[in-house]
Amino acid sequence: MQSSTVNSALSAVSQSVSGTYVQDVSIKMLDNAIDLNNTMAQGTIKMMENSVTPYLGSNIDISV
């Protein structure tokens, strides 16, 4: 009878550790997705800022 109790306790501990690991991985993946989203948003903002003045850099004035 004691063996059954030990096995169920070990099973509960291993499931708890496994669940914690899965949760930690999920949180890290979410953190990476948020960082990527912020980087893409900054790039989009920069493109929108550049589109306001599209004529910059398109003409070169040369005097000799």
N, C-alpha and C. Protein backbone atom coordinates (compact mmCIF):
# COMPACT_ATOMS: atom_id res chain seq x y z
N MET A 1 0.82 -1.20 0.00
CA MET A 1 0.00 0.00 0.00
C MET A 1 0.87 1.26 0.00
N GLN A 2 1.96 1.22 0.71
CA GLN A 2 2.84 2.37 0.77
C GLN A 2 3.46 2.66 -0.58
N SER A 3 3.74 1.63 -1.35
CA SER A 3 4.33 1.80 -2.67
C SER A 3 3.39 2.59 -3.59
N SER A 4 2.12 2.32 -3.48
CA SER A 4 1.12 3.02 -4.29
C SER A 4 1.09 4.51 -3.94
N THR A 5 1.19 4.81 -2.67
CA THR A 5 1.18 6.21 -2.21
C THR A 5 2.43 6.94 -2.71
N VAL A 6 3.58 6.26 -2.64
CA VAL A 6 4.83 6.87 -3.10
C VAL A 6 4.76 7.11 -4.61
N ASN A 7 4.25 6.12 -5.35
CA ASN A 7 4.14 6.28 -6.80
C ASN A 7 3.23 7.44 -7.17
N SER A 8 2.09 7.58 -6.48
CA SER A 8 1.18 8.68 -6.81
C SER A 8 1.80 10.02 -6.41
N ALA A 9 2.56 10.06 -5.33
CA ALA A 9 3.23 11.30 -4.92
C ALA A 9 4.29 11.68 -5.94
N LEU A 10 5.08 10.69 -6.39
CA LEU A 10 6.09 10.97 -7.40
C LEU A 10 5.46 11.41 -8.71
N SER A 11 4.35 10.82 -9.05
CA SER A 11 3.64 11.20 -10.27
C SER A 11 3.15 12.64 -10.17
N ALA A 12 2.61 13.01 -9.02
CA ALA A 12 2.12 14.38 -8.82
C ALA A 12 3.27 15.37 -8.91
N VAL A 13 4.41 15.03 -8.33
CA VAL A 13 5.57 15.94 -8.37
C VAL A 13 6.07 16.08 -9.80
N SER A 14 6.17 14.96 -10.54
CA SER A 14 6.68 15.04 -11.90
C SER A 14 5.73 15.82 -12.80
N GLN A 15 4.42 15.68 -12.59
CA GLN A 15 3.45 16.46 -13.38
C GLN A 15 3.56 17.94 -13.04
N SER A 16 3.79 18.24 -11.77
CA SER A 16 3.92 19.63 -11.35
C SER A 16 5.16 20.26 -11.97
N VAL A 17 6.28 19.54 -11.96
CA VAL A 17 7.51 20.06 -12.55
C VAL A 17 7.34 20.22 -14.05
N SER A 18 6.72 19.25 -14.69
CA SER A 18 6.49 19.31 -16.13
C SER A 18 5.59 20.50 -16.48
N GLY A 19 4.53 20.70 -15.70
CA GLY A 19 3.62 21.81 -15.94
C GLY A 19 4.31 23.15 -15.78
N THR A 20 5.17 23.24 -14.78
CA THR A 20 5.91 24.48 -14.54
C THR A 20 6.85 24.77 -15.71
N TYR A 21 7.50 23.72 -16.21
CA TYR A 21 8.41 23.89 -17.35
C TYR A 21 7.66 24.35 -18.58
N VAL A 22 6.51 23.75 -18.85
CA VAL A 22 5.71 24.13 -20.00
C VAL A 22 5.25 25.58 -19.85
N GLN A 23 4.88 25.96 -18.66
CA GLN A 23 4.45 27.34 -18.42
C GLN A 23 5.61 28.31 -18.63
N ASP A 24 6.80 27.95 -18.14
CA ASP A 24 7.98 28.81 -18.33
C ASP A 24 8.31 28.98 -19.81
N VAL A 25 8.22 27.90 -20.56
CA VAL A 25 8.49 27.97 -22.00
C VAL A 25 7.45 28.83 -22.69
N SER A 26 6.19 28.67 -22.30
CA SER A 26 5.12 29.46 -22.90
C SER A 26 5.31 30.95 -22.62
N ILE A 27 5.71 31.28 -21.41
CA ILE A 27 5.94 32.69 -21.06
C ILE A 27 7.11 33.25 -21.86
N LYS A 28 8.17 32.46 -22.02
CA LYS A 28 9.33 32.93 -22.79
C LYS A 28 8.96 33.14 -24.26
N MET A 29 8.15 32.24 -24.82
CA MET A 29 7.72 32.40 -26.21
C MET A 29 6.85 33.64 -26.36
N LEU A 30 5.99 33.91 -25.40
CA LEU A 30 5.16 35.10 -25.44
C LEU A 30 6.02 36.36 -25.35
N ASP A 31 7.04 36.32 -24.49
CA ASP A 31 7.95 37.45 -24.36
C ASP A 31 8.68 37.72 -25.67
N ASN A 32 9.12 36.66 -26.35
CA ASN A 32 9.79 36.82 -27.64
C ASN A 32 8.83 37.38 -28.69
N ALA A 33 7.58 36.93 -28.67
CA ALA A 33 6.59 37.44 -29.62
C ALA A 33 6.31 38.92 -29.38
N ILE A 34 6.26 39.32 -28.14
CA ILE A 34 6.04 40.74 -27.82
C ILE A 34 7.22 41.58 -28.30
N ASP A 35 8.45 41.09 -28.07
CA ASP A 35 9.64 41.81 -28.54
C ASP A 35 9.64 41.95 -30.05
N LEU A 36 9.30 40.88 -30.75
CA LEU A 36 9.25 40.91 -32.21
C LEU A 36 8.18 41.89 -32.68
N ASN A 37 7.03 41.89 -32.01
CA ASN A 37 5.95 42.81 -32.37
C ASN A 37 6.39 44.26 -32.19
N ASN A 38 7.10 44.54 -31.10
CA ASN A 38 7.59 45.90 -30.87
C ASN A 38 8.60 46.32 -31.94
N THR A 39 9.47 45.41 -32.31
CA THR A 39 10.46 45.70 -33.35
C THR A 39 9.78 45.99 -34.69
N MET A 40 8.79 45.18 -35.03
CA MET A 40 8.07 45.40 -36.28
C MET A 40 7.29 46.70 -36.25
N ALA A 41 6.73 47.04 -35.10
CA ALA A 41 5.99 48.29 -34.97
C ALA A 41 6.91 49.48 -35.16
N GLN A 42 8.12 49.41 -34.60
CA GLN A 42 9.07 50.51 -34.78
C GLN A 42 9.47 50.65 -36.24
N GLY A 43 9.64 49.54 -36.93
CA GLY A 43 9.95 49.59 -38.36
C GLY A 43 8.81 50.20 -39.16
N THR A 44 7.59 49.86 -38.82
CA THR A 44 6.42 50.42 -39.50
C THR A 44 6.33 51.92 -39.27
N ILE A 45 6.60 52.34 -38.04
CA ILE A 45 6.57 53.77 -37.73
C ILE A 45 7.63 54.51 -38.54
N LYS A 46 8.82 53.93 -38.64
CA LYS A 46 9.90 54.56 -39.41
C LYS A 46 9.53 54.66 -40.88
N MET A 47 8.90 53.61 -41.44
CA MET A 47 8.48 53.66 -42.84
C MET A 47 7.42 54.74 -43.05
N MET A 48 6.51 54.87 -42.09
CA MET A 48 5.47 55.90 -42.23
C MET A 48 6.07 57.29 -42.14
N GLU A 49 7.07 57.47 -41.27
CA GLU A 49 7.73 58.77 -41.18
C GLU A 49 8.44 59.11 -42.48
N ASN A 50 9.06 58.12 -43.10
CA ASN A 50 9.77 58.36 -44.36
C ASN A 50 8.80 58.61 -45.52
N SER A 51 7.61 58.08 -45.45
CA SER A 51 6.66 58.26 -46.55
C SER A 51 6.07 59.66 -46.57
N VAL A 52 6.20 60.39 -45.47
CA VAL A 52 5.69 61.76 -45.42
C VAL A 52 6.54 62.67 -46.30
N THR A 53 7.82 62.37 -46.40
CA THR A 53 8.73 63.16 -47.23
C THR A 53 9.41 62.24 -48.25
N PRO A 54 8.66 61.73 -49.21
CA PRO A 54 9.24 60.77 -50.15
C PRO A 54 10.23 61.41 -51.13
N TYR A 55 10.19 62.73 -51.26
CA TYR A 55 11.07 63.42 -52.21
C TYR A 55 12.49 63.53 -51.69
N LEU A 56 12.73 63.31 -50.40
CA LEU A 56 14.08 63.42 -49.86
C LEU A 56 14.98 62.34 -50.46
N GLY A 57 16.09 62.76 -51.00
CA GLY A 57 17.06 61.83 -51.55
C GLY A 57 16.80 61.43 -52.99
N SER A 58 15.71 61.92 -53.57
CA SER A 58 15.41 61.51 -54.95
C SER A 58 16.07 62.43 -55.98
N ASN A 59 16.48 63.62 -55.59
CA ASN A 59 17.12 64.58 -56.49
C ASN A 59 18.51 64.94 -55.97
N ILE A 60 19.45 65.08 -56.89
CA ILE A 60 20.79 65.49 -56.52
C ILE A 60 21.12 66.75 -57.32
N ASP A 61 21.46 67.82 -56.62
CA ASP A 61 21.87 69.06 -57.29
C ASP A 61 23.39 69.09 -57.34
N ILE A 62 23.93 69.19 -58.55
CA ILE A 62 25.38 69.23 -58.72
C ILE A 62 25.74 70.53 -59.44
N SER A 63 26.66 71.28 -58.84
CA SER A 63 27.17 72.52 -59.44
C SER A 63 28.66 72.37 -59.65
N VAL A 64 29.13 72.79 -60.83
CA VAL A 64 30.55 72.70 -61.12
C VAL A 64 31.10 74.09 -61.31
